[in-house]
Amino acid sequence: MIKKNDVITLEITDLTSEGMGVGRVDGYVVFVAGTSPGDVVSARMLKADKSFGYAKIEEIIKSSDMRTSPDCPVFPRCGGCLYRHIKYENERGIKKGWVVENFRRIGGFDVGDIEIYSPSSPDGYRNKAQYPAETQKDGRLRFGFYSTHSHRVAPCRACALQPDFYADIVGAAEDFLNKYKIPAYSEESGAGLVRHLYVRHGVGSGEVMVALVINGDALPHSDEFTDAVRGAAPGVVSVMLIKNTEKTNVILGEKSSVLWGKGGITDTLCKMKFDISPHSFYQVNHDGAELLYGLAAKYASLSGGETLVDLYCGTGTIGLSMAKDAGKLIGVEIVPSAVENARENAKNNWIENAEFICADAGKAANMLADSGIRPDVLIVDPPRKGCGADVYDAIGKMRPERIVMISCNSATGARDARAFAEIGYKLKDIAAVDMFPRTGHVESVVKLIRQ
């Protein structure tokens, strides 16, 4: 029986979406962080339950062909990336395997070899960054990212997932705050002023927003802060303060004010213009979103006269990107502010065949079904927990010809696809989209047709 502190030798054969390598000793499953399929390691047991345990690397006896040297000084201490020790082409294959296996094991679908789509580069894709602040042991305020499973900040200016100029903005903000000895917020005591630095930019427009999240009403020497961040990078059109005085780990507060420029930025996505405020939902991977939406449109196969219903529509980006090819678009979203943004986005892009309903997806779907609205195509992009039984029932009533489902969790996506199969839909096409390279996330997109 394997016990805590035992040193064992095992071959890593798989990888979890949490970044843990998987090995087995006589059927006993051991998870080891920082490993790659193909590694043979000596590992010390940290925890040993009855059927599985966790261990840490003592020595890499044989290195996998998938392994590469991490190119980030704070990996793996920072919790943002999980797979910087693995070559990206191998990461893509692993993620594709997760989707295939989940649809086989959970959904009961033999999908064979599927395509996985990804942007041209696995780096520099994040158009939004939120840097927590922390006062270091030397007394200086530093921005960075939370370490894995903690709220300890790993100081980091230059993150490979973000554009290079973000580091210049972070540096300028740090230098300003340390010059005037403005303290970082402490989650433990509730004291201190600066909570987060928030940066957003429009890939298509080039516009940049910089905001400081503070535990108070004002920032000392705010004009100098504005000058510092404006001088750090081209394209800055918005400098803001966001007030959050709650003792919470929620990043943004509800109140914001403009220090200089506009109250947000604009960007173009799928040839449409979007206004983006600090609180707006907007895909953090611009090029990945265009890939994803393009694949969804291909699966929707619209010809110009169809009724298109977009459940869980958020700010409407997916449905609006297809509206020009549909007869009518109906979007459904439970968050009132998102519905307002969706209506504004339709207006700003001169889309007149769209309407948006603020309601729970299941209730709205039932309401549409009861009123006799039968969509030709249904787009469903649920949260990670997937759809509920009420959504299955309502879709069964509406009986759309085609369902296009985007899932950020292929396990719940496979479960949902199985539920749709049980009400008469056949899985026709499936693909994966790696919207977030180097992390444990991968999207699946499926097309189901009514039998």
Protein backbone atom coordinates (compact mmCIF):
# COMPACT_ATOMS: atom_id res chain seq x y z
CA MET A 1 0.00 0.00 0.00
CA ILE A 2 1.42 3.37 -1.04
CA LYS A 3 1.74 5.83 1.86
CA LYS A 4 2.53 9.50 2.33
CA ASN A 5 6.27 10.30 1.86
CA ASP A 6 6.89 7.12 -0.12
CA VAL A 7 9.17 7.72 -3.11
CA ILE A 8 7.86 5.92 -6.17
CA THR A 9 8.85 5.58 -9.83
CA LEU A 10 6.13 5.96 -12.43
CA GLU A 11 5.56 6.79 -16.08
CA ILE A 12 3.24 9.68 -16.86
CA THR A 13 0.64 8.59 -19.40
CA ASP A 14 -1.94 11.39 -19.41
CA LEU A 15 -2.60 14.98 -18.42
CA THR A 16 -5.59 16.56 -16.66
CA SER A 17 -7.15 19.93 -17.42
CA GLU A 18 -5.85 21.08 -14.03
CA GLY A 19 -2.28 20.57 -15.25
CA MET A 20 -1.58 17.35 -13.37
CA GLY A 21 0.29 14.47 -14.98
CA VAL A 22 -1.31 11.05 -14.46
CA GLY A 23 0.64 7.87 -13.67
CA ARG A 24 -0.27 4.47 -12.27
CA VAL A 25 1.42 1.99 -9.96
CA ASP A 26 -0.32 -1.41 -10.07
CA GLY A 27 -3.58 0.37 -10.94
CA TYR A 28 -3.17 3.01 -8.22
CA VAL A 29 -3.56 6.49 -9.78
CA VAL A 30 -1.02 9.17 -8.89
CA PHE A 31 -1.27 12.83 -9.95
CA VAL A 32 2.01 14.74 -10.33
CA ALA A 33 2.17 18.46 -11.14
CA GLY A 34 4.69 19.73 -13.67
CA THR A 35 4.97 16.49 -15.62
CA SER A 36 4.29 15.59 -19.23
CA PRO A 37 2.99 12.41 -20.87
CA GLY A 38 6.05 10.30 -21.61
CA ASP A 39 8.02 11.42 -18.55
CA VAL A 40 9.40 8.76 -16.21
CA VAL A 41 9.80 10.34 -12.78
CA SER A 42 10.77 9.62 -9.24
CA ALA A 43 8.09 11.27 -7.08
CA ARG A 44 7.41 11.68 -3.36
CA MET A 45 3.87 11.08 -2.19
CA LEU A 46 2.22 14.15 -0.66
CA LYS A 47 -1.18 12.57 -0.08
CA ALA A 48 -2.36 8.97 -0.41
CA ASP A 49 -6.07 8.18 -0.44
CA LYS A 50 -7.51 4.73 -0.96
CA SER A 51 -7.61 4.74 -4.76
CA PHE A 52 -5.52 7.77 -5.78
CA GLY A 53 -2.87 10.12 -4.49
CA TYR A 54 -0.78 13.21 -5.20
CA ALA A 55 2.98 13.43 -5.47
CA LYS A 56 5.73 15.93 -6.35
CA ILE A 57 8.69 15.38 -8.62
CA GLU A 58 11.93 14.30 -6.95
CA GLU A 59 13.76 13.57 -10.20
CA ILE A 60 12.95 13.30 -13.91
CA ILE A 61 14.48 9.96 -14.84
CA LYS A 62 13.48 10.13 -18.50
CA SER A 63 12.24 13.31 -20.17
CA SER A 64 9.28 13.19 -22.54
CA ASP A 65 9.65 14.26 -26.16
CA MET A 66 6.72 16.61 -25.46
CA ARG A 67 8.67 18.53 -22.82
CA THR A 68 10.23 21.94 -23.49
CA SER A 69 11.99 24.57 -21.39
CA PRO A 70 9.47 27.01 -19.85
CA ASP A 71 9.90 30.53 -21.24
CA CYS A 72 8.35 32.39 -18.30
CA PRO A 73 10.28 33.30 -15.12
CA VAL A 74 7.22 32.89 -12.87
CA PHE A 75 6.04 29.54 -14.28
CA PRO A 76 4.71 27.45 -12.55
CA ARG A 77 4.35 29.71 -9.51
CA CYS A 78 1.86 31.92 -11.37
CA GLY A 79 -1.48 30.20 -11.76
CA GLY A 80 -2.23 31.55 -15.25
CA CYS A 81 -0.47 29.02 -17.48
CA LEU A 82 -0.44 25.26 -16.89
CA TYR A 83 1.45 23.93 -19.89
CA ARG A 84 4.51 26.08 -20.58
CA HIS A 85 6.68 23.00 -20.03
CA ILE A 86 4.98 21.23 -22.97
CA LYS A 87 5.40 22.00 -26.68
CA TYR A 88 2.32 23.74 -28.03
CA GLU A 89 1.69 21.24 -30.84
CA ASN A 90 1.51 18.52 -28.18
CA GLU A 91 -0.79 20.64 -26.00
CA ARG A 92 -3.17 20.92 -28.95
CA GLY A 93 -3.19 17.15 -29.36
CA ILE A 94 -3.84 16.61 -25.67
CA LYS A 95 -6.77 19.03 -25.65
CA LYS A 96 -8.26 17.46 -28.75
CA GLY A 97 -8.02 14.12 -26.95
CA TRP A 98 -9.98 15.47 -23.97
CA VAL A 99 -12.86 16.48 -26.24
CA VAL A 100 -12.88 13.15 -28.09
CA GLU A 101 -12.72 11.14 -24.85
CA ASN A 102 -15.44 13.15 -23.10
CA PHE A 103 -17.82 12.74 -26.02
CA ARG A 104 -17.04 9.00 -26.11
CA ARG A 105 -17.18 8.31 -22.37
CA ILE A 106 -19.92 10.73 -21.26
CA GLY A 107 -21.90 11.27 -24.44
CA GLY A 108 -21.58 7.83 -26.01
CA PHE A 109 -20.42 9.28 -29.35
CA ASP A 110 -17.64 7.77 -31.44
CA VAL A 111 -16.44 10.98 -33.11
CA GLY A 112 -13.16 9.65 -34.45
CA ASP A 113 -10.35 12.11 -35.20
CA ILE A 114 -11.60 15.70 -34.99
CA GLU A 115 -10.11 19.02 -36.05
CA ILE A 116 -8.77 21.45 -33.44
CA TYR A 117 -8.54 25.10 -34.45
CA SER A 118 -6.31 27.68 -32.79
CA PRO A 119 -5.08 31.24 -33.43
CA SER A 120 -1.82 31.78 -35.30
CA SER A 121 0.15 32.21 -32.07
CA PRO A 122 -0.36 30.73 -28.58
CA ASP A 123 1.08 33.92 -27.04
CA GLY A 124 0.07 37.57 -26.84
CA TYR A 125 -3.63 36.86 -27.33
CA ARG A 126 -5.22 38.24 -24.15
CA ASN A 127 -6.81 41.63 -24.75
CA LYS A 128 -7.69 42.03 -21.06
CA ALA A 129 -5.47 41.77 -17.99
CA GLN A 130 -6.23 42.23 -14.30
CA TYR A 131 -3.12 42.52 -12.13
CA PRO A 132 -3.57 42.24 -8.34
CA ALA A 133 -1.33 44.47 -6.22
CA GLU A 134 0.68 43.38 -3.22
CA THR A 135 3.25 45.06 -0.98
CA GLN A 136 6.39 42.92 -1.10
CA LYS A 137 8.82 42.25 1.76
CA ASP A 138 11.03 45.13 0.61
CA GLY A 139 8.08 47.50 1.07
CA ARG A 140 7.53 48.10 -2.64
CA LEU A 141 4.16 47.66 -4.31
CA ARG A 142 4.27 45.15 -7.15
CA PHE A 143 1.67 43.94 -9.63
CA GLY A 144 1.53 40.37 -10.85
CA PHE A 145 -0.72 37.32 -10.84
CA TYR A 146 -1.99 35.03 -8.13
CA SER A 147 0.03 31.94 -7.41
CA THR A 148 -1.72 28.60 -7.90
CA HIS A 149 -4.55 27.99 -5.39
CA SER A 150 -3.74 31.15 -3.41
CA HIS A 151 -4.05 34.92 -3.34
CA ARG A 152 -0.31 35.43 -2.96
CA VAL A 153 0.94 37.61 -5.80
CA ALA A 154 3.74 36.37 -8.05
CA PRO A 155 5.23 39.67 -9.28
CA CYS A 156 5.18 39.86 -13.07
CA ARG A 157 5.23 42.75 -15.51
CA ALA A 158 5.72 40.86 -18.77
CA CYS A 159 3.26 37.99 -19.34
CA ALA A 160 3.67 35.95 -22.52
CA LEU A 161 -0.12 35.65 -22.90
CA GLN A 162 -0.46 39.42 -23.23
CA PRO A 163 0.86 42.01 -25.70
CA ASP A 164 4.38 43.28 -24.95
CA PHE A 165 3.27 46.86 -24.29
CA TYR A 166 1.24 45.79 -21.25
CA ALA A 167 4.53 45.41 -19.36
CA ASP A 168 5.33 49.10 -19.99
CA ILE A 169 1.96 50.14 -18.55
CA VAL A 170 2.48 47.94 -15.49
CA GLY A 171 5.96 49.37 -14.96
CA ALA A 172 4.74 52.96 -15.23
CA ALA A 173 1.92 52.32 -12.74
CA GLU A 174 4.28 50.62 -10.26
CA ASP A 175 6.84 53.43 -10.48
CA PHE A 176 4.15 56.06 -9.87
CA LEU A 177 2.64 54.25 -6.88
CA ASN A 178 6.02 53.58 -5.26
CA LYS A 179 7.16 57.17 -5.84
CA TYR A 180 4.28 58.41 -3.67
CA LYS A 181 4.30 55.37 -1.36
CA ILE A 182 0.66 54.57 -2.14
CA PRO A 183 -0.03 51.21 -0.43
CA ALA A 184 -1.51 48.05 -1.87
CA TYR A 185 -4.78 46.71 -0.50
CA SER A 186 -4.54 43.85 2.00
CA GLU A 187 -7.27 41.21 1.85
CA GLU A 188 -6.48 40.20 5.44
CA SER A 189 -6.70 43.62 7.10
CA GLY A 190 -8.84 45.49 4.59
CA ALA A 191 -6.34 48.37 4.68
CA GLY A 192 -4.47 49.89 1.76
CA LEU A 193 -5.69 51.61 -1.40
CA VAL A 194 -4.66 49.84 -4.62
CA ARG A 195 -6.36 46.55 -5.40
CA HIS A 196 -5.84 45.87 -9.13
CA LEU A 197 -4.51 47.36 -12.32
CA TYR A 198 -6.88 46.67 -15.21
CA VAL A 199 -5.80 46.93 -18.85
CA ARG A 200 -7.94 46.34 -21.94
CA HIS A 201 -7.28 46.98 -25.61
CA GLY A 202 -9.07 46.68 -28.91
CA VAL A 203 -7.14 44.44 -31.28
CA GLY A 204 -8.95 45.85 -34.29
CA SER A 205 -9.09 49.50 -33.18
CA GLY A 206 -5.79 49.80 -31.31
CA GLU A 207 -7.53 51.65 -28.46
CA VAL A 208 -6.33 51.00 -24.89
CA MET A 209 -8.10 51.40 -21.53
CA VAL A 210 -6.17 51.59 -18.24
CA ALA A 211 -8.04 51.51 -14.93
CA LEU A 212 -6.93 51.38 -11.32
CA VAL A 213 -9.23 49.54 -8.89
CA ILE A 214 -9.01 51.24 -5.51
CA ASN A 215 -10.29 50.72 -1.98
CA GLY A 216 -11.38 54.32 -1.59
CA ASP A 217 -12.83 57.37 -3.28
CA ALA A 218 -9.79 59.07 -4.83
CA LEU A 219 -6.23 58.51 -6.00
CA PRO A 220 -3.57 60.97 -4.80
CA HIS A 221 -1.73 62.73 -7.64
CA SER A 222 -4.16 61.25 -10.16
CA ASP A 223 -3.08 63.67 -12.92
CA GLU A 224 0.45 62.34 -12.68
CA PHE A 225 -0.83 58.75 -12.83
CA THR A 226 -2.73 59.63 -15.99
CA ASP A 227 0.39 61.14 -17.57
CA ALA A 228 2.47 58.10 -16.59
CA VAL A 229 0.24 55.45 -18.15
CA ARG A 230 -0.54 57.56 -21.22
CA GLY A 231 3.17 57.94 -21.85
CA ALA A 232 3.86 54.24 -21.37
CA ALA A 233 2.07 52.96 -24.47
CA PRO A 234 0.48 54.30 -27.65
CA GLY A 235 -3.26 54.05 -28.12
CA VAL A 236 -4.37 54.91 -24.56
CA VAL A 237 -7.74 56.65 -24.93
CA SER A 238 -9.25 55.92 -21.51
CA VAL A 239 -7.82 56.23 -17.98
CA MET A 240 -10.25 55.36 -15.20
CA LEU A 241 -10.72 54.73 -11.49
CA ILE A 242 -12.96 51.91 -10.31
CA LYS A 243 -14.11 52.05 -6.69
CA ASN A 244 -14.37 48.77 -4.76
CA THR A 245 -14.50 49.17 -0.96
CA GLU A 246 -16.14 45.82 -0.26
CA LYS A 247 -14.22 43.16 1.65
CA THR A 248 -14.48 40.65 -1.15
CA ASN A 249 -12.33 38.92 -3.75
CA VAL A 250 -14.55 40.31 -6.53
CA ILE A 251 -12.21 42.46 -8.64
CA LEU A 252 -14.37 45.28 -9.99
CA GLY A 253 -16.66 47.55 -8.04
CA GLU A 254 -19.84 49.02 -9.48
CA LYS A 255 -18.76 52.69 -9.42
CA SER A 256 -16.25 54.04 -11.90
CA SER A 257 -15.05 57.48 -12.95
CA VAL A 258 -13.04 58.80 -15.87
CA LEU A 259 -9.70 60.43 -15.06
CA TRP A 260 -8.97 61.22 -18.70
CA GLY A 261 -10.40 60.42 -22.12
CA LYS A 262 -13.38 58.16 -22.77
CA GLY A 263 -15.31 55.84 -20.45
CA GLY A 264 -14.29 52.81 -22.49
CA ILE A 265 -12.90 51.66 -25.82
CA THR A 266 -14.26 50.37 -29.12
CA ASP A 267 -13.21 47.32 -31.09
CA THR A 268 -14.18 45.42 -34.21
CA LEU A 269 -15.02 41.71 -34.14
CA CYS A 270 -16.36 39.78 -37.16
CA LYS A 271 -16.59 43.13 -39.01
CA MET A 272 -18.84 44.58 -36.30
CA LYS A 273 -18.15 47.46 -33.93
CA PHE A 274 -18.46 47.02 -30.17
CA ASP A 275 -18.29 49.56 -27.33
CA ILE A 276 -16.46 48.08 -24.35
CA SER A 277 -16.73 49.51 -20.84
CA PRO A 278 -14.77 48.12 -17.86
CA HIS A 279 -17.73 45.90 -16.95
CA SER A 280 -18.61 44.70 -20.47
CA PHE A 281 -18.25 41.05 -21.35
CA TYR A 282 -16.02 40.71 -24.39
CA GLN A 283 -14.01 37.73 -25.58
CA VAL A 284 -10.42 38.02 -24.32
CA ASN A 285 -9.01 36.30 -27.41
CA HIS A 286 -10.06 38.40 -30.42
CA ASP A 287 -8.69 36.12 -33.14
CA GLY A 288 -9.85 33.01 -31.29
CA ALA A 289 -13.36 34.44 -31.04
CA GLU A 290 -13.45 35.07 -34.79
CA LEU A 291 -12.39 31.44 -35.36
CA LEU A 292 -15.06 30.20 -32.96
CA TYR A 293 -17.85 32.36 -34.36
CA GLY A 294 -16.87 31.49 -37.92
CA LEU A 295 -17.09 27.78 -37.16
CA ALA A 296 -20.47 28.26 -35.46
CA ALA A 297 -21.73 30.15 -38.52
CA LYS A 298 -20.51 27.36 -40.79
CA TYR A 299 -22.42 24.80 -38.71
CA ALA A 300 -25.54 27.04 -38.64
CA SER A 301 -25.66 26.98 -42.48
CA LEU A 302 -27.91 30.04 -42.73
CA SER A 303 -29.29 31.00 -46.14
CA GLY A 304 -31.07 34.27 -45.37
CA GLY A 305 -34.62 33.53 -44.27
CA GLU A 306 -34.25 31.48 -41.11
CA THR A 307 -35.33 32.34 -37.57
CA LEU A 308 -32.23 32.12 -35.38
CA VAL A 309 -32.52 31.84 -31.59
CA ASP A 310 -29.38 32.48 -29.49
CA LEU A 311 -29.73 31.14 -25.95
CA TYR A 312 -27.29 32.42 -23.30
CA CYS A 313 -26.50 35.22 -25.77
CA GLY A 314 -24.57 37.50 -23.36
CA THR A 315 -23.91 40.80 -25.11
CA GLY A 316 -25.13 39.28 -28.36
CA THR A 317 -21.82 38.87 -30.18
CA ILE A 318 -22.37 35.35 -31.55
CA GLY A 319 -25.93 35.85 -32.79
CA LEU A 320 -25.24 39.35 -34.14
CA SER A 321 -22.28 38.01 -36.12
CA MET A 322 -24.78 35.77 -37.99
CA ALA A 323 -27.77 38.16 -38.13
CA LYS A 324 -27.05 39.38 -41.66
CA ASP A 325 -27.54 35.82 -42.92
CA ALA A 326 -30.79 35.18 -40.99
CA GLY A 327 -34.35 36.36 -41.39
CA LYS A 328 -34.72 37.12 -37.68
CA LEU A 329 -32.52 36.84 -34.58
CA ILE A 330 -33.91 36.35 -31.06
CA GLY A 331 -31.35 36.52 -28.26
CA VAL A 332 -31.98 35.31 -24.70
CA GLU A 333 -29.90 36.34 -21.66
CA ILE A 334 -30.64 36.53 -17.92
CA VAL A 335 -28.26 39.44 -17.07
CA PRO A 336 -30.08 42.79 -17.65
CA SER A 337 -26.92 44.81 -18.34
CA ALA A 338 -25.81 42.27 -20.94
CA VAL A 339 -29.21 42.50 -22.66
CA GLU A 340 -28.88 46.29 -22.80
CA ASN A 341 -25.39 45.92 -24.27
CA ALA A 342 -26.74 43.46 -26.85
CA ARG A 343 -29.44 45.94 -27.92
CA GLU A 344 -26.87 48.72 -28.15
CA ASN A 345 -24.54 46.49 -30.18
CA ALA A 346 -27.36 45.73 -32.62
CA LYS A 347 -28.16 49.44 -32.96
CA ASN A 348 -24.51 50.45 -33.40
CA ASN A 349 -24.11 47.93 -36.21
CA TRP A 350 -27.38 48.84 -37.99
CA ILE A 351 -28.86 45.40 -37.36
CA GLU A 352 -32.64 45.72 -37.45
CA ASN A 353 -33.75 42.06 -37.49
CA ALA A 354 -32.68 41.32 -33.88
CA GLU A 355 -34.59 41.35 -30.60
CA PHE A 356 -33.37 40.40 -27.14
CA ILE A 357 -35.26 38.89 -24.20
CA CYS A 358 -34.10 39.24 -20.60
CA ALA A 359 -35.00 35.91 -18.98
CA ASP A 360 -33.64 32.60 -17.80
CA ALA A 361 -32.77 30.40 -20.81
CA GLY A 362 -35.18 27.65 -19.83
CA LYS A 363 -38.13 29.96 -19.12
CA ALA A 364 -37.53 31.99 -22.27
CA ALA A 365 -37.22 28.87 -24.40
CA ASN A 366 -40.53 27.59 -22.98
CA MET A 367 -42.15 30.98 -23.58
CA LEU A 368 -41.01 30.97 -27.21
CA ALA A 369 -42.20 27.38 -27.65
CA ASP A 370 -45.59 28.15 -26.10
CA SER A 371 -46.02 31.18 -28.38
CA GLY A 372 -45.45 28.99 -31.41
CA ILE A 373 -42.03 30.32 -32.38
CA ARG A 374 -40.11 27.54 -34.03
CA PRO A 375 -36.50 28.47 -34.78
CA ASP A 376 -34.82 26.98 -37.80
CA VAL A 377 -31.46 27.19 -36.02
CA LEU A 378 -30.73 27.35 -32.30
CA ILE A 379 -27.38 28.59 -30.96
CA VAL A 380 -26.69 27.52 -27.40
CA ASP A 381 -23.58 28.66 -25.51
CA PRO A 382 -24.21 27.73 -21.86
CA PRO A 383 -21.98 28.33 -18.83
CA ARG A 384 -19.55 25.62 -17.67
CA LYS A 385 -22.31 23.70 -15.88
CA GLY A 386 -24.07 23.22 -19.23
CA CYS A 387 -27.79 23.28 -20.01
CA GLY A 388 -30.54 22.27 -17.59
CA ALA A 389 -33.44 19.84 -17.99
CA ASP A 390 -35.83 22.76 -18.59
CA VAL A 391 -33.72 23.83 -21.58
CA TYR A 392 -33.81 20.30 -23.01
CA ASP A 393 -37.59 20.23 -22.64
CA ALA A 394 -38.10 23.65 -24.22
CA ILE A 395 -35.83 22.85 -27.16
CA GLY A 396 -37.79 19.65 -27.63
CA LYS A 397 -40.96 21.77 -27.89
CA MET A 398 -39.47 24.24 -30.35
CA ARG A 399 -37.97 21.47 -32.49
CA PRO A 400 -35.37 23.52 -34.39
CA GLU A 401 -33.96 21.95 -37.53
CA ARG A 402 -30.36 22.49 -36.35
CA ILE A 403 -28.68 23.07 -33.00
CA VAL A 404 -25.21 24.60 -32.82
CA MET A 405 -23.77 24.19 -29.33
CA ILE A 406 -20.61 25.86 -28.06
CA SER A 407 -19.28 24.42 -24.80
CA CYS A 408 -16.43 25.76 -22.68
CA ASN A 409 -16.51 22.43 -20.81
CA SER A 410 -16.51 19.43 -23.14
CA ALA A 411 -17.66 17.13 -20.32
CA THR A 412 -20.94 19.00 -19.86
CA GLY A 413 -21.08 19.56 -23.62
CA ALA A 414 -20.97 15.79 -24.16
CA ARG A 415 -23.73 15.30 -21.56
CA ASP A 416 -25.87 17.95 -23.25
CA ALA A 417 -25.32 16.43 -26.70
CA ARG A 418 -26.45 13.06 -25.33
CA ALA A 419 -29.60 14.71 -23.91
CA PHE A 420 -30.34 16.29 -27.30
CA ALA A 421 -29.85 12.88 -28.95
CA GLU A 422 -32.49 11.48 -26.62
CA ILE A 423 -35.03 14.02 -27.92
CA GLY A 424 -34.32 13.27 -31.56
CA TYR A 425 -31.13 15.04 -32.61
CA LYS A 426 -28.16 13.44 -34.34
CA LEU A 427 -24.62 14.71 -33.80
CA LYS A 428 -23.47 15.68 -37.29
CA ASP A 429 -20.23 17.64 -36.83
CA ILE A 430 -17.81 18.37 -34.00
CA ALA A 431 -14.59 20.35 -33.64
CA ALA A 432 -12.45 21.86 -30.89
CA VAL A 433 -11.22 25.46 -30.67
CA ASP A 434 -8.27 26.33 -28.44
CA MET A 435 -9.36 29.79 -27.35
CA PHE A 436 -6.96 29.88 -24.40
CA PRO A 437 -3.58 28.33 -25.28
CA ARG A 438 -1.29 27.35 -22.39
CA THR A 439 -4.26 27.06 -20.01
CA GLY A 440 -6.47 24.09 -19.19
CA HIS A 441 -9.43 25.33 -21.26
CA VAL A 442 -10.63 24.23 -24.68
CA GLU A 443 -13.95 24.89 -26.44
CA SER A 444 -16.00 22.32 -28.32
CA VAL A 445 -18.46 23.17 -31.11
CA VAL A 446 -21.05 20.68 -32.33
CA LYS A 447 -23.78 20.62 -34.93
CA LEU A 448 -26.86 18.51 -34.27
CA ILE A 449 -29.64 17.94 -36.79
CA ARG A 450 -33.24 16.94 -36.08
CA GLN A 451 -34.14 13.43 -37.24
